[in-house]
Amino acid sequence: MIVYLDTSAYVKLVLEEVDSRHVRGWFASATRAVSSVITYAETCAAFSRRDRDVHTTASRLTTWVASLDDRWRRTVSVPVDGRSAGRLAIAHGLRGMDAVQLAAALTLREHVLTEASDAEVAFAAFDRRLLEAAEREGLTTLGRPLE
């Protein structure tokens, strides 16, 4: 199975959070891990915010980014058509970056299905609205909404 990871899922690959074990399992067992070109920057921003919020004397940011880099080397990044993302934002009431993530996953599915009609693309995220939109678009979803 090809696993598309949005930023909320990608953060869990590195940071120890609820469901991190599941995300790491999906990543390890995927035939291919894929994400949007924006995910790296969004993940770095999340790490930086977390590092600032923790208020410890020793920053863990460098370690987290090194771990991110290791995983990113094993991830295929997908470009996004902004107009497609815009249409998805309107159709599903999504925030801009969530619409970009969904548009990238749909682009991936379209590309994969032209090469192998039996291939499966699973969309991993931890946002209720985004997961529901992905399901309405016909994607298999992994993850659960965070409360």
Foldseek 3Di string as FASTA:
>chain_A
DEEEEALQLLLLCQDPDVCSVVSVVCLVPHPAYEWAPCNLVVSLVVLVVVQVVVPDPDGCSVVSNVSSVVSVVRYHHFYADQVQLVVLCVVQVDDSSLSRGLRRQVVVVVVVCVVPVPDAYEYEDAAVSSQVSSVVVPHHYDYYHDD
